[in-house]
Amino acid sequence: MEVILQPWPWYISGPLLATTMLLLVYFGKTFGMSSNLRTFCSIAGAGKYSDYFRFNWRDQRWNLTVVLGAVIGGFLATQYLSDGSTMALNPETVSDLSEFGFTQIGETLLPPEIFSWDYVLSIKGLSILIIAGFLVGFGTRYAGGCTSGHAITGLSNLQLPSLIAVIGFFIGGLIMTFFILPLIF
């Protein structure tokens, strides 16, 4: 039981991920979480208003199953398969986040400084979530996929656009970390 309570090393999780990708490629499927938002909108009837959402969403049932599995797996992992230890973070990261006012660094996946109801319902918190949500949604649509779609599926299929997108994700992450995050907190 102790094995499943600890994070799996790269030499276990990496081959499992590679095997999953090989199976998806073999069966002609492309994995990506953000494409499910399009499917959800299509199910809700957005195809009446936009051609983008007018497609046979039933062909994406397998991908919806992946989303359901991710939600259930995430819940089980955090609620029943975790030993409650703090995440191992770089001491410099902990120090930097402390300077920004974060207090429970590594203790929770959702820092209360961003995800507590008090913060979410504040003008600053609501503004950050709305702007961030818009940017993530716009970026995902503009790039033709999200980080998982490009970094996992696109790179495993040796697609140049996915390599460019992943490089862009890292550059954006660096800009966020070193320039925008200090302005926000």
Foldseek 3Di string as FASTA:
>chain_A
DVQQQDDDDCVVVVVVLVVVLVVCVVVVHAAALVVVVLLVCLVVPCCVPDVSSPDDSVVCVVNVVVVVVVVVVVVCCVPPRYPQDFDDDDPVVVVVVVVVPFDCHRRDPDGCCQPPPVQCPDPLNVVVVVVVVVCQNVLQVVLVGHLCRLVRRVVVVVHPSSVVVNVVVVVVVVCCVPPVSVVSD
